[in-house]
């Protein structure tokens, strides 16, 4: 919750939330059903017998899983930095925050909207929805019920909403909520057909935007540096779709080689240059781990574009 609030106060427009379900059918925010990487559960002896191995969407995963805990049990855990080797300074906050529910995040978005005087929306993702359905914890009815109960369904929600998923069936199941839907698209071959004009036209029949891996917007050359933009943004806009690529991060580890600075993989590089390239390619928004950096890069780019037009 601390990260969500700080991100909004640093210029973020939406709180992006990965949703998984608890044993008793409550939606909580964790990056994956496996919660060992982002909580202190491995250090809690009372839950040692919950460690197991599961296959999720064809991949075997070992650890502790949200669906094996009730919400009350999960609430006894504390959040932890998911990338401690890279973001060591964040580990200072390990143990401070509980795992939040979707309802709490929506309440925070409403509070921040009032405090900041500008809309702060929510952007939930149904995480592995087919897997959740296979264990009797369908995410879509739970999400729909929460949005309706909190005034976020329909054409005029209390705060802005986008709903996202990699699985089209999950989005189609949410269509009657009357809020914008976003088809996520990873970089693998499974979404190559979806990225064509024909595929984008099909997506536009049920969704309002795409959330592609950023390499689908601007490819990489043999050195890993940015190549020219692809046709994806132009084709998506032609189909009537917004484009929100993911995920922008400021550390050298994640930046193209030409944008890296000295100081190792943890140091910040020329992140603004990467944002500029994508803004120039015409994207409508970005997913970022660094709201302040994205906000400042957008402000400078917009000012420069306005001066150029003038």
Protein backbone atom coordinates (compact mmCIF):
# COMPACT_ATOMS: atom_id res chain seq x y z
CA UNK A 1 0.00 0.00 0.00
CA UNK A 2 2.93 2.32 0.64
CA UNK A 3 4.17 1.81 -2.92
CA UNK A 4 0.72 2.44 -4.38
CA UNK A 5 0.34 5.71 -2.49
CA UNK A 6 3.85 6.91 -3.25
CA UNK A 7 3.42 6.08 -6.93
CA UNK A 8 0.26 8.17 -7.13
CA UNK A 9 1.80 11.07 -5.23
CA UNK A 10 4.76 10.93 -7.62
CA UNK A 11 2.52 11.47 -10.64
CA UNK A 12 1.06 8.06 -11.41
CA UNK A 13 -2.44 8.07 -12.88
CA UNK A 14 -3.45 4.49 -12.00
CA UNK A 15 -2.65 1.89 -9.37
CA UNK A 16 -1.78 -1.30 -11.26
CA UNK A 17 -2.81 -4.42 -9.34
CA UNK A 18 -2.13 -8.11 -9.98
CA UNK A 19 -5.02 -10.07 -8.47
CA UNK A 20 -4.97 -13.58 -7.04
CA UNK A 21 -7.56 -15.33 -4.88
CA UNK A 22 -7.38 -16.67 -1.35
CA UNK A 23 -8.80 -20.01 -0.23
CA UNK A 24 -11.99 -18.30 0.88
CA UNK A 25 -12.49 -16.38 -2.34
CA UNK A 26 -11.06 -12.98 -1.51
CA UNK A 27 -9.06 -10.98 -4.06
CA UNK A 28 -5.66 -9.79 -2.93
CA UNK A 29 -2.73 -8.09 -4.64
CA UNK A 30 0.29 -10.31 -5.26
CA UNK A 31 2.43 -10.62 -8.39
CA UNK A 32 1.73 -14.36 -8.64
CA UNK A 33 -0.28 -17.02 -6.79
CA UNK A 34 3.08 -18.08 -5.33
CA UNK A 35 3.59 -15.67 -2.43
CA UNK A 36 6.91 -16.81 -1.02
CA UNK A 37 8.87 -14.28 -3.07
CA UNK A 38 6.87 -11.28 -1.89
CA UNK A 39 5.95 -12.04 1.74
CA UNK A 40 7.62 -13.38 4.88
CA UNK A 41 5.69 -16.66 4.74
CA UNK A 42 8.86 -18.77 4.44
CA UNK A 43 9.94 -17.46 7.85
CA UNK A 44 6.67 -18.38 9.52
CA UNK A 45 6.94 -21.86 11.07
CA UNK A 46 3.19 -22.15 11.57
CA UNK A 47 2.81 -22.29 7.78
CA UNK A 48 5.77 -24.53 6.97
CA UNK A 49 3.46 -27.39 5.96
CA UNK A 50 1.86 -25.22 3.25
CA UNK A 51 4.96 -25.39 1.06
CA UNK A 52 4.16 -27.36 -2.08
CA UNK A 53 4.71 -27.60 -5.82
CA UNK A 54 2.04 -26.78 -8.39
CA UNK A 55 1.77 -26.48 -12.15
CA UNK A 56 0.32 -23.15 -13.28
CA UNK A 57 -0.31 -22.60 -16.97
CA UNK A 58 2.11 -25.37 -17.85
CA UNK A 59 4.94 -24.20 -15.57
CA UNK A 60 5.94 -25.93 -12.37
CA UNK A 61 6.28 -23.64 -9.38
CA UNK A 62 7.38 -24.46 -5.84
CA UNK A 63 6.60 -22.44 -2.74
CA UNK A 64 3.56 -21.09 -0.94
CA UNK A 65 0.32 -20.24 -2.75
CA UNK A 66 -2.34 -17.68 -1.94
CA UNK A 67 -5.15 -20.14 -2.63
CA UNK A 68 -3.96 -22.33 0.26
CA UNK A 69 -4.49 -19.52 2.79
CA UNK A 70 -7.64 -17.87 4.05
CA UNK A 71 -7.66 -14.12 4.02
CA UNK A 72 -7.32 -14.08 7.81
CA UNK A 73 -4.20 -16.23 7.58
CA UNK A 74 -2.77 -14.18 4.74
CA UNK A 75 -3.31 -11.01 6.72
CA UNK A 76 -0.89 -12.25 9.38
CA UNK A 77 1.90 -12.15 6.79
CA UNK A 78 3.87 -9.07 5.80
CA UNK A 79 4.92 -7.90 2.37
CA UNK A 80 8.54 -8.08 1.27
CA UNK A 81 10.55 -6.63 -1.61
CA UNK A 82 10.27 -9.02 -4.57
CA UNK A 83 13.67 -8.08 -6.10
CA UNK A 84 15.91 -7.68 -3.04
CA UNK A 85 19.14 -8.24 -4.98
CA UNK A 86 18.32 -5.29 -7.23
CA UNK A 87 16.36 -3.01 -4.91
CA UNK A 88 18.11 -3.60 -1.63
CA UNK A 89 17.05 -0.24 -0.20
CA UNK A 90 13.40 -1.32 -0.43
CA UNK A 91 14.04 -4.18 1.99
CA UNK A 92 14.12 -1.59 4.77
CA UNK A 93 10.33 -1.63 4.51
CA UNK A 94 9.98 -5.42 4.75
CA UNK A 95 7.55 -6.26 7.50
CA UNK A 96 5.73 -2.91 7.50
CA UNK A 97 2.75 -3.71 5.28
CA UNK A 98 0.08 -6.38 5.10
CA UNK A 99 -1.04 -7.99 1.86
CA UNK A 100 -3.82 -5.67 0.64
CA UNK A 101 -7.23 -6.65 -0.62
CA UNK A 102 -8.72 -5.19 -3.77
CA UNK A 103 -11.29 -3.39 -1.66
CA UNK A 104 -8.57 -1.64 0.32
CA UNK A 105 -6.79 -0.59 -2.86
CA UNK A 106 -9.99 0.86 -4.31
CA UNK A 107 -10.56 2.78 -1.07
CA UNK A 108 -7.01 4.13 -1.32
CA UNK A 109 -7.58 5.25 -4.92
CA UNK A 110 -10.69 7.14 -3.84
CA UNK A 111 -8.86 8.78 -0.94
CA UNK A 112 -5.95 9.81 -3.15
CA UNK A 113 -8.34 11.20 -5.74
CA UNK A 114 -9.80 13.46 -3.05
CA UNK A 115 -6.42 14.34 -1.50
CA UNK A 116 -4.62 15.12 -4.76
CA UNK A 117 -7.47 16.77 -6.60
CA UNK A 118 -7.04 14.60 -9.69
CA UNK A 119 -8.34 11.15 -10.60
CA UNK A 120 -6.33 8.18 -9.39
CA UNK A 121 -7.67 5.05 -11.05
CA UNK A 122 -7.26 1.33 -10.55
CA UNK A 123 -5.94 -1.04 -13.22
CA UNK A 124 -6.45 -4.64 -12.00
CA UNK A 125 -5.16 -7.71 -13.81
CA UNK A 126 -6.78 -11.11 -13.49
CA UNK A 127 -3.67 -13.21 -12.89
CA UNK A 128 -3.75 -16.74 -14.32
CA UNK A 129 -7.57 -16.78 -14.53
CA UNK A 130 -7.80 -20.21 -16.19
CA UNK A 131 -5.71 -21.70 -13.40
CA UNK A 132 -7.89 -20.09 -10.76
CA UNK A 133 -11.01 -21.42 -12.51
CA UNK A 134 -9.49 -24.92 -12.51
CA UNK A 135 -9.33 -24.85 -8.71
CA UNK A 136 -12.82 -23.42 -8.28
CA UNK A 137 -11.78 -19.82 -7.61
CA UNK A 138 -13.00 -17.99 -10.72
CA UNK A 139 -11.61 -14.47 -10.55
CA UNK A 140 -14.14 -12.72 -12.77
CA UNK A 141 -17.26 -13.03 -10.56
CA UNK A 142 -15.23 -11.94 -7.53
CA UNK A 143 -13.83 -8.94 -9.39
CA UNK A 144 -17.21 -7.96 -10.84
CA UNK A 145 -18.86 -8.12 -7.43
CA UNK A 146 -16.17 -5.92 -5.87
CA UNK A 147 -16.36 -3.31 -8.63
CA UNK A 148 -20.13 -3.14 -8.42
CA UNK A 149 -20.06 -2.88 -4.63
CA UNK A 150 -17.54 -0.03 -4.70
CA UNK A 151 -19.12 2.02 -7.49
CA UNK A 152 -16.53 1.19 -10.12
CA UNK A 153 -18.75 -0.57 -12.64
CA UNK A 154 -20.59 1.15 -15.47
CA UNK A 155 -19.69 4.03 -17.78
CA UNK A 156 -19.13 6.58 -14.99
CA UNK A 157 -17.16 4.86 -12.19
CA UNK A 158 -16.21 6.79 -9.06
CA UNK A 159 -12.56 6.57 -10.11
CA UNK A 160 -11.18 5.51 -13.53
CA UNK A 161 -10.85 1.79 -14.22
CA UNK A 162 -9.08 -0.44 -16.74
CA UNK A 163 -9.30 -4.24 -16.46
CA UNK A 164 -6.49 -6.28 -18.00
CA UNK A 165 -5.64 -9.90 -18.71
CA UNK A 166 -3.53 -12.05 -20.98
CA UNK A 167 -6.55 -14.33 -21.41
CA UNK A 168 -9.27 -13.11 -23.77
CA UNK A 169 -11.85 -15.37 -22.13
CA UNK A 170 -11.35 -13.53 -18.84
CA UNK A 171 -11.91 -10.17 -20.50
CA UNK A 172 -15.00 -11.38 -22.31
CA UNK A 173 -16.42 -12.55 -18.98
CA UNK A 174 -16.05 -8.99 -17.67
CA UNK A 175 -17.61 -7.24 -20.67
CA UNK A 176 -20.94 -6.45 -19.00
CA UNK A 177 -19.26 -4.25 -16.38
CA UNK A 178 -19.09 -1.42 -18.88
CA UNK A 179 -15.46 -0.47 -18.16
CA UNK A 180 -12.48 -0.47 -20.57
CA UNK A 181 -10.81 -3.84 -21.11
CA UNK A 182 -7.14 -4.34 -22.00
CA UNK A 183 -5.72 -7.35 -23.83
CA UNK A 184 -2.20 -7.97 -22.57
CA UNK A 185 0.29 -9.33 -25.11
CA UNK A 186 3.63 -10.86 -24.13
CA UNK A 187 6.53 -11.06 -26.55
CA UNK A 188 6.18 -14.77 -27.28
CA UNK A 189 4.93 -16.36 -30.47
CA UNK A 190 1.51 -17.05 -28.92
CA UNK A 191 0.59 -13.39 -29.52
CA UNK A 192 2.20 -12.89 -32.93
CA UNK A 193 -1.11 -13.35 -34.75
CA UNK A 194 -2.87 -11.04 -32.32
CA UNK A 195 -0.39 -8.26 -33.17
CA UNK A 196 -1.37 -8.24 -36.87
CA UNK A 197 -4.04 -5.87 -38.24
CA UNK A 198 -6.46 -8.80 -38.42
CA UNK A 199 -5.68 -9.86 -34.87
CA UNK A 200 -6.05 -6.33 -33.56
CA UNK A 201 -9.42 -6.02 -35.27
CA UNK A 202 -10.53 -9.15 -33.42
CA UNK A 203 -9.27 -7.74 -30.11
CA UNK A 204 -11.20 -4.53 -30.78
CA UNK A 205 -14.40 -6.58 -30.86
CA UNK A 206 -14.17 -7.13 -27.09
CA UNK A 207 -11.43 -4.84 -25.71
CA UNK A 208 -10.58 -1.14 -25.71
CA UNK A 209 -6.79 -1.28 -25.49
CA UNK A 210 -3.76 -3.52 -25.70
CA UNK A 211 -0.97 -3.85 -23.17
CA UNK A 212 1.97 -5.21 -25.18
CA UNK A 213 5.45 -6.13 -24.04
CA UNK A 214 7.39 -3.04 -25.04
CA UNK A 215 9.56 -4.95 -27.52
CA UNK A 216 6.45 -5.30 -29.66
CA UNK A 217 6.31 -1.49 -29.94
CA UNK A 218 10.01 -0.86 -30.51
CA UNK A 219 12.14 -3.86 -31.34
CA UNK A 220 15.77 -4.45 -30.37
CA UNK A 221 18.79 -4.75 -32.63
CA UNK A 222 21.54 -7.35 -32.31
CA UNK A 223 23.17 -5.34 -29.51
CA UNK A 224 19.92 -5.10 -27.55
CA UNK A 225 19.47 -1.42 -28.32
CA UNK A 226 16.24 0.12 -29.57
CA UNK A 227 15.53 -0.37 -33.26
CA UNK A 228 12.84 1.49 -35.17
CA UNK A 229 9.20 1.36 -34.07
CA UNK A 230 7.08 -1.47 -35.39
CA UNK A 231 3.67 -0.98 -36.98
CA UNK A 232 1.88 -2.05 -33.80
CA UNK A 233 0.90 1.40 -32.50
CA UNK A 234 -0.33 2.59 -35.89
CA UNK A 235 -2.24 -0.65 -36.51
CA UNK A 236 -3.76 -0.63 -33.02
CA UNK A 237 -4.87 2.98 -33.37
CA UNK A 238 -6.36 2.16 -36.75
CA UNK A 239 -8.39 -0.56 -35.00
CA UNK A 240 -9.52 1.93 -32.35
CA UNK A 241 -7.34 0.51 -29.58
CA UNK A 242 -5.21 2.39 -27.05
CA UNK A 243 -1.66 1.13 -26.48
CA UNK A 244 -0.16 0.80 -22.96
CA UNK A 245 3.18 -1.09 -23.15
CA UNK A 246 4.92 -2.70 -20.15
CA UNK A 247 7.15 -2.58 -18.08
CA UNK A 248 9.40 0.47 -17.81
CA UNK A 249 12.12 0.33 -15.18
CA UNK A 250 14.95 2.74 -14.55
CA UNK A 251 17.78 0.43 -13.49
CA UNK A 252 20.59 -0.46 -15.90
CA UNK A 253 19.60 -4.12 -15.75
CA UNK A 254 16.41 -3.37 -17.67
CA UNK A 255 17.56 -0.61 -20.02
CA UNK A 256 18.96 -1.00 -23.55
CA UNK A 257 22.79 -0.97 -23.46
CA UNK A 258 23.02 2.48 -25.05
CA UNK A 259 21.02 3.96 -22.17
CA UNK A 260 23.01 2.37 -19.32
CA UNK A 261 25.17 4.39 -16.96
CA UNK A 262 28.15 3.43 -14.87
CA UNK A 263 27.66 2.00 -11.40
CA UNK A 264 26.39 -1.49 -12.16
CA UNK A 265 22.99 -3.00 -12.85
CA UNK A 266 21.33 -1.35 -9.84
CA UNK A 267 22.20 2.19 -10.92
CA UNK A 268 19.74 4.32 -12.84
CA UNK A 269 20.50 4.87 -16.49
CA UNK A 270 19.15 7.27 -19.12
CA UNK A 271 15.58 6.16 -18.53
CA UNK A 272 14.13 9.39 -19.97
CA UNK A 273 15.60 8.52 -23.37
CA UNK A 274 13.67 5.25 -23.39
CA UNK A 275 10.41 6.96 -22.44
CA UNK A 276 11.00 9.58 -25.14
CA UNK A 277 11.36 6.90 -27.80
CA UNK A 278 8.06 5.30 -26.82
CA UNK A 279 6.20 8.59 -26.47
CA UNK A 280 7.45 9.52 -29.94
CA UNK A 281 6.16 6.15 -31.20
CA UNK A 282 2.67 7.26 -30.13
CA UNK A 283 1.86 5.09 -27.11
CA UNK A 284 -1.07 6.25 -24.98
CA UNK A 285 0.34 5.29 -21.59
CA UNK A 286 2.99 3.11 -19.95
CA UNK A 287 3.26 0.62 -17.12
CA UNK A 288 6.17 1.62 -14.91
CA UNK A 289 7.82 0.73 -11.62
CA UNK A 290 8.95 4.38 -11.31
CA UNK A 291 5.99 6.75 -11.51
CA UNK A 292 8.08 9.84 -10.81
CA UNK A 293 10.50 9.09 -13.62
CA UNK A 294 7.68 8.41 -16.08
CA UNK A 295 5.81 11.56 -15.00
CA UNK A 296 8.83 13.83 -15.40
CA UNK A 297 9.80 12.26 -18.73
CA UNK A 298 6.24 12.75 -20.00
CA UNK A 299 6.16 16.38 -18.86
CA UNK A 300 9.44 17.21 -20.57
CA UNK A 301 8.46 15.35 -23.73
CA UNK A 302 5.06 17.06 -23.88
CA UNK A 303 6.61 20.49 -23.37
CA UNK A 304 9.15 19.81 -26.08
CA UNK A 305 6.49 18.60 -28.48
CA UNK A 306 4.40 21.71 -27.81
CA UNK A 307 7.37 24.00 -28.42
CA UNK A 308 8.17 22.13 -31.62
CA UNK A 309 4.60 22.48 -32.83
CA UNK A 310 4.62 26.15 -31.96
